[in-house]
Protein backbone atom coordinates (compact mmCIF):
# COMPACT_ATOMS: atom_id res chain seq x y z
CA UNK A 1 10.69 214.92 264.53
CA UNK A 2 10.23 218.69 264.65
CA UNK A 3 7.95 220.42 267.10
CA UNK A 4 6.90 224.08 266.43
CA UNK A 5 4.13 226.24 267.44
CA UNK A 6 1.34 226.78 264.78
CA UNK A 7 -1.18 229.45 265.70
CA UNK A 8 -4.55 229.64 264.08
CA UNK A 9 -6.98 232.54 264.29
CA UNK A 10 -10.51 231.30 264.89
CA UNK A 11 -13.51 231.17 267.20
CA UNK A 12 -13.47 229.25 270.43
CA UNK A 13 -16.65 227.78 271.87
CA UNK A 14 -19.63 225.95 270.43
CA UNK A 15 -20.83 226.60 266.82
CA UNK A 16 -24.24 228.09 266.45
CA UNK A 17 -24.70 226.22 263.18
CA UNK A 18 -23.73 222.84 264.67
CA UNK A 19 -26.40 222.78 267.39
CA UNK A 20 -28.53 220.62 265.04
CA UNK A 21 -25.77 218.21 263.97
CA UNK A 22 -24.83 214.71 265.17
CA UNK A 23 -21.67 215.54 267.23
CA UNK A 24 -19.30 213.03 268.82
CA UNK A 25 -16.60 215.54 269.90
CA UNK A 26 -17.08 218.29 272.42
CA UNK A 27 -18.42 221.10 270.28
CA UNK A 28 -16.94 222.79 267.31
CA UNK A 29 -14.23 225.37 266.98
CA UNK A 30 -14.83 227.68 263.90
CA UNK A 31 -11.41 228.11 262.29
CA UNK A 32 -10.82 231.20 260.13
CA UNK A 33 -7.88 232.50 258.23
CA UNK A 34 -5.03 234.63 259.59
CA UNK A 35 -5.84 238.21 258.86
CA UNK A 36 -3.78 239.80 256.09
CA UNK A 37 -4.05 243.39 257.23
CA UNK A 38 -0.28 243.89 257.66
CA UNK A 39 1.40 241.10 255.67
CA UNK A 40 5.20 240.95 255.87
CA UNK A 41 6.99 241.82 252.62
CA UNK A 42 8.64 238.39 252.48
CA UNK A 43 7.45 234.98 253.64
CA UNK A 44 9.93 232.32 254.76
CA UNK A 45 9.76 228.79 253.47
CA UNK A 46 11.16 227.54 256.73
CA UNK A 47 9.89 227.66 260.33
CA UNK A 48 12.55 229.41 262.32
CA UNK A 49 13.48 232.50 264.17
CA UNK A 50 14.82 235.53 262.32
CA UNK A 51 18.26 235.10 263.99
CA UNK A 52 18.52 231.64 262.43
CA UNK A 53 17.77 232.86 258.90
CA UNK A 54 20.61 232.28 256.41
CA UNK A 55 18.65 232.45 253.18
CA UNK A 56 15.23 234.05 252.62
CA UNK A 57 13.20 232.62 249.77
CA UNK A 58 10.69 235.22 248.28
CA UNK A 59 7.37 233.54 247.43
CA UNK A 60 3.90 234.78 246.64
CA UNK A 61 1.95 235.71 249.72
CA UNK A 62 -1.24 235.41 247.65
CA UNK A 63 -0.78 231.68 247.33
CA UNK A 64 -2.43 230.20 250.52
CA UNK A 65 -0.34 227.07 250.21
CA UNK A 66 2.64 229.20 251.24
CA UNK A 67 1.10 232.03 253.25
CA UNK A 68 -1.50 230.01 255.32
CA UNK A 69 0.21 228.37 258.35
CA UNK A 70 -2.13 225.28 258.24
CA UNK A 71 -1.68 224.63 254.45
CA UNK A 72 2.03 225.25 254.56
CA UNK A 73 2.31 222.77 257.39
CA UNK A 74 0.18 220.08 255.55
CA UNK A 75 1.92 220.48 252.20
CA UNK A 76 -0.75 218.50 250.31
CA UNK A 77 0.22 217.64 246.70
CA UNK A 78 -1.67 216.17 243.76
CA UNK A 79 0.26 212.95 244.19
CA UNK A 80 -1.16 212.48 247.70
CA UNK A 81 -3.93 210.12 246.73
CA UNK A 82 -5.18 209.09 250.07
CA UNK A 83 -5.22 211.51 253.02
CA UNK A 84 -6.46 210.26 256.37
CA UNK A 85 -7.32 212.60 259.25
CA UNK A 86 -7.67 211.35 262.82
CA UNK A 87 -9.49 213.38 265.44
CA UNK A 88 -8.59 212.27 268.94
CA UNK A 89 -11.03 212.56 271.91
CA UNK A 90 -12.05 216.17 272.39
CA UNK A 91 -9.90 217.56 269.60
CA UNK A 92 -11.63 219.08 266.55
CA UNK A 93 -10.13 218.53 263.07
CA UNK A 94 -12.67 220.57 261.20
CA UNK A 95 -10.10 223.25 260.57
CA UNK A 96 -7.99 220.79 258.64
CA UNK A 97 -11.04 220.05 256.25
CA UNK A 98 -12.03 223.67 255.82
CA UNK A 99 -8.47 224.62 255.00
CA UNK A 100 -8.11 221.80 252.53
CA UNK A 101 -11.25 223.00 250.85
CA UNK A 102 -9.67 226.37 250.55
CA UNK A 103 -6.66 224.86 248.77
CA UNK A 104 -8.73 222.65 246.50
CA UNK A 105 -10.78 225.72 245.35
CA UNK A 106 -7.62 227.89 244.99
CA UNK A 107 -6.08 225.22 242.71
CA UNK A 108 -9.39 225.29 240.73
CA UNK A 109 -9.96 221.54 241.41
CA UNK A 110 -13.21 219.82 242.13
CA UNK A 111 -14.71 218.50 245.36
CA UNK A 112 -17.29 216.03 246.33
CA UNK A 113 -18.00 216.73 249.98
CA UNK A 114 -19.83 214.00 251.98
CA UNK A 115 -20.69 215.31 255.33
CA UNK A 116 -22.05 213.14 258.08
CA UNK A 117 -20.94 215.61 260.74
CA UNK A 118 -21.68 219.21 259.78
CA UNK A 119 -24.41 220.81 257.59
CA UNK A 120 -23.54 222.72 254.47
CA UNK A 121 -24.28 225.98 256.36
CA UNK A 122 -21.40 225.29 258.66
CA UNK A 123 -18.88 224.98 255.72
CA UNK A 124 -20.20 228.06 254.09
CA UNK A 125 -19.91 230.13 257.30
CA UNK A 126 -16.33 229.02 257.86
CA UNK A 127 -15.50 229.29 254.26
CA UNK A 128 -16.43 232.86 254.15
CA UNK A 129 -14.10 233.54 257.03
CA UNK A 130 -11.32 231.70 255.10
CA UNK A 131 -12.03 233.69 251.96
CA UNK A 132 -13.96 231.32 249.71
CA UNK A 133 -17.68 230.96 248.89
CA UNK A 134 -18.63 227.32 248.99
CA UNK A 135 -22.25 227.81 247.78
CA UNK A 136 -21.04 229.75 244.88
CA UNK A 137 -18.71 226.83 243.98
CA UNK A 138 -21.69 224.53 244.17
CA UNK A 139 -23.67 226.77 241.80
CA UNK A 140 -20.72 226.63 239.43
CA UNK A 141 -20.71 222.85 239.54
CA UNK A 142 -17.21 222.86 241.09
CA UNK A 143 -18.40 221.35 244.38
CA UNK A 144 -21.08 218.81 245.00
CA UNK A 145 -22.28 218.04 248.44
CA UNK A 146 -23.77 214.88 249.80
CA UNK A 147 -25.52 215.20 253.30
CA UNK A 148 -26.65 211.63 254.31
CA UNK A 149 -27.88 212.75 257.74
CA UNK A 150 -30.14 215.38 256.20
CA UNK A 151 -31.46 212.92 253.73
CA UNK A 152 -32.30 210.52 256.69
CA UNK A 153 -33.98 213.35 258.60
CA UNK A 154 -36.16 214.20 255.57
CA UNK A 155 -37.31 210.61 255.44
CA UNK A 156 -38.59 210.58 259.07
CA UNK A 157 -42.09 209.19 258.93
CA UNK A 158 -41.55 207.30 255.64
CA UNK A 159 -41.21 203.94 257.18
CA UNK A 160 -40.04 202.30 253.90
CA UNK A 161 -37.02 204.59 253.77
CA UNK A 162 -36.16 205.86 257.24
CA UNK A 163 -33.02 204.23 258.70
CA UNK A 164 -33.53 201.02 256.68
CA UNK A 165 -32.68 197.82 258.68
CA UNK A 166 -30.36 196.60 255.93
CA UNK A 167 -27.34 198.69 256.88
CA UNK A 168 -25.18 197.31 254.18
CA UNK A 169 -27.71 198.38 251.58
CA UNK A 170 -27.84 201.89 253.31
CA UNK A 171 -23.98 202.19 252.87
CA UNK A 172 -24.27 201.05 249.24
CA UNK A 173 -26.82 203.89 248.71
CA UNK A 174 -24.28 206.27 250.09
CA UNK A 175 -21.67 204.84 247.70
CA UNK A 176 -23.88 205.26 244.73
CA UNK A 177 -24.57 208.84 245.67
CA UNK A 178 -20.90 209.51 245.85
CA UNK A 179 -20.18 207.85 242.62
CA UNK A 180 -22.76 210.06 240.82
CA UNK A 181 -21.36 213.07 242.56
CA UNK A 182 -17.89 212.27 241.29
CA UNK A 183 -19.14 211.63 237.78
CA UNK A 184 -20.94 214.91 237.62
CA UNK A 185 -18.02 217.10 238.57
CA UNK A 186 -14.92 215.18 237.26
CA UNK A 187 -13.03 216.57 234.32
CA UNK A 188 -9.85 215.37 232.56
CA UNK A 189 -8.05 218.71 233.29
CA UNK A 190 -8.62 218.92 237.06
CA UNK A 191 -8.05 216.86 240.15
CA UNK A 192 -11.16 215.78 241.97
CA UNK A 193 -11.28 215.24 245.76
CA UNK A 194 -13.67 213.05 247.60
CA UNK A 195 -13.82 214.33 251.24
CA UNK A 196 -15.68 212.30 254.01
CA UNK A 197 -16.44 213.92 257.31
CA UNK A 198 -16.62 211.79 259.35
CA UNK A 199 -16.73 207.98 259.00
CA UNK A 200 -17.28 207.26 262.64
CA UNK A 201 -20.83 208.53 262.34
CA UNK A 202 -21.66 205.39 260.40
CA UNK A 203 -21.32 203.60 263.82
CA UNK A 204 -23.97 205.93 265.19
CA UNK A 205 -26.22 204.82 262.42
CA UNK A 206 -25.75 201.22 263.49
CA UNK A 207 -23.56 200.20 260.63
CA UNK A 208 -21.30 197.12 261.42
CA UNK A 209 -17.49 197.58 261.45
CA UNK A 210 -16.99 195.21 258.62
CA UNK A 211 -19.50 197.18 256.40
CA UNK A 212 -17.66 200.48 257.30
CA UNK A 213 -14.40 198.89 256.24
CA UNK A 214 -15.93 197.80 252.99
CA UNK A 215 -17.21 201.36 252.51
CA UNK A 216 -13.70 202.78 253.02
CA UNK A 217 -12.46 200.21 250.32
CA UNK A 218 -15.18 201.39 247.99
CA UNK A 219 -14.05 205.00 248.46
CA UNK A 220 -10.37 204.23 248.13
CA UNK A 221 -10.98 202.40 244.90
CA UNK A 222 -12.03 205.75 243.30
CA UNK A 223 -8.15 206.51 243.11
CA UNK A 224 -7.87 204.01 240.29
CA UNK A 225 -8.72 207.10 238.36
CA UNK A 226 -5.50 209.12 238.42
CA UNK A 227 -7.56 212.34 238.65
CA UNK A 228 -9.18 211.41 241.99
CA UNK A 229 -7.88 211.74 245.54
CA UNK A 230 -9.70 210.88 248.84
CA UNK A 231 -9.71 212.63 252.18
CA UNK A 232 -11.22 210.47 254.91
CA UNK A 233 -11.77 211.96 258.40
CA UNK A 234 -12.61 209.84 261.54
CA UNK A 235 -13.12 210.70 265.10
CA UNK A 236 -11.60 208.36 267.73
CA UNK A 237 -13.07 208.02 271.17
CA UNK A 238 -13.57 204.14 271.40
CA UNK A 239 -11.83 200.89 270.41
CA UNK A 240 -13.94 200.49 267.36
CA UNK A 241 -13.26 204.01 266.26
CA UNK A 242 -9.59 203.25 266.66
CA UNK A 243 -9.84 200.20 264.39
CA UNK A 244 -11.30 202.36 261.59
CA UNK A 245 -8.68 205.16 262.13
CA UNK A 246 -5.82 202.62 262.13
CA UNK A 247 -7.00 201.08 258.86
CA UNK A 248 -7.14 204.60 257.35
CA UNK A 249 -3.59 205.39 258.62
CA UNK A 250 -2.17 202.12 257.19
CA UNK A 251 -3.34 202.94 253.62
CA UNK A 252 -2.72 206.69 253.57
CA UNK A 253 -0.13 208.60 251.70
CA UNK A 254 -0.39 211.44 254.25
CA UNK A 255 -1.79 210.85 257.79
CA UNK A 256 -2.89 213.94 259.77
CA UNK A 257 -3.73 213.67 263.49
CA UNK A 258 -5.21 216.31 265.75
CA UNK A 259 -5.09 215.71 269.49
CA UNK A 260 -5.89 217.53 272.67
CA UNK A 261 -3.10 218.42 275.13
CA UNK A 262 -2.01 215.51 277.37
CA UNK A 263 -2.25 217.91 280.45
CA UNK A 264 -5.68 219.30 279.70
CA UNK A 265 -6.64 222.83 278.68
CA UNK A 266 -4.24 225.76 278.11
CA UNK A 267 -4.71 229.35 277.32
CA UNK A 268 -1.59 229.31 275.03
CA UNK A 269 -2.06 226.13 273.07
CA UNK A 270 -5.11 224.30 271.93
CA UNK A 271 -3.59 220.88 271.02
CA UNK A 272 -1.15 218.96 268.84
CA UNK A 273 -1.18 218.59 265.03
CA UNK A 274 0.87 215.79 263.55
CA UNK A 275 1.59 215.32 259.87
CA UNK A 276 3.10 211.96 258.80
CA UNK A 277 4.40 210.79 255.47
CA UNK A 278 6.57 207.94 254.39
CA UNK A 279 9.47 210.45 254.49
CA UNK A 280 8.96 211.39 258.20
CA UNK A 281 6.76 213.05 260.74
CA UNK A 282 6.32 216.69 261.81
CA UNK A 283 4.55 217.67 265.02
CA UNK A 284 3.13 221.16 265.80
CA UNK A 285 1.39 222.78 268.70
CA UNK A 286 -1.60 224.73 267.30
CA UNK A 287 -3.66 227.47 268.86
CA UNK A 288 -7.24 228.40 268.03
CA UNK A 289 -8.01 231.95 269.30
CA UNK A 290 -10.82 234.46 269.21
CA UNK A 291 -11.59 236.83 266.31
CA UNK A 292 -8.76 239.39 265.76
CA UNK A 293 -6.69 240.98 263.04
CA UNK A 294 -3.07 240.06 264.04
CA UNK A 295 -0.85 237.90 261.86
CA UNK A 296 1.18 235.25 263.65
CA UNK A 297 3.98 233.24 262.09
CA UNK A 298 4.24 229.44 262.44
CA UNK A 299 7.08 228.87 264.93
């Protein structure tokens, strides 16, 4: 298992957009792209020091899957049908999701984003920093967004709809919204991604664990269509959260885990990023830092 430093330029501190969201973790770190003001002429396809380089492979720096340190660490491929993301304790995995959206749009694929955690304004704000316009993609019918929490808030005062007591029926409504979303944007020429952020908020809505597991199964069944992949994010801060996350990890082709430092806070490192496949596991330190214009290699 390798361990390298992965530094990510971003914003530390609470997100002004997320003040009105249902938050389980301690705040939101806005992740932005590494600045490209002074890109190196060549980019290495290995994480090593210059003294260790025997062969340098020249690749396109315009391709974020190679030049972006997060995406180059994740190495998500079309054959990765189920991608699980586990957010432990005070860690924030939002930078994983926003970077995956960047890759999806770069590849001209389609996205159905189901957000229980952040409003669409958050993804638009971070996306702009990463170099993509999410709302423009929505206008172009490349992206569809489902915001269950916003829909619930809009129904406050409508007793027949607001937080209906039948939680299983509530989850079925979510499922049918997702199904319509996928149907609207899917094509035979592109890969369509279903991204759910995050499943643990279903517990906050009073949904039973067994119903949540059924919902996961509903989502996973979409991959029966070869052109559909699913990305399922879950925050873990309790035993029940852990059951959900363990189920996701068990079925995943790629399991991504974001964790805080065991020793607490550090000015040099924010936390751990682990990427696990059937072929092995890679572990990185990652650093989220304030706005700047320097390029840092993944080491």
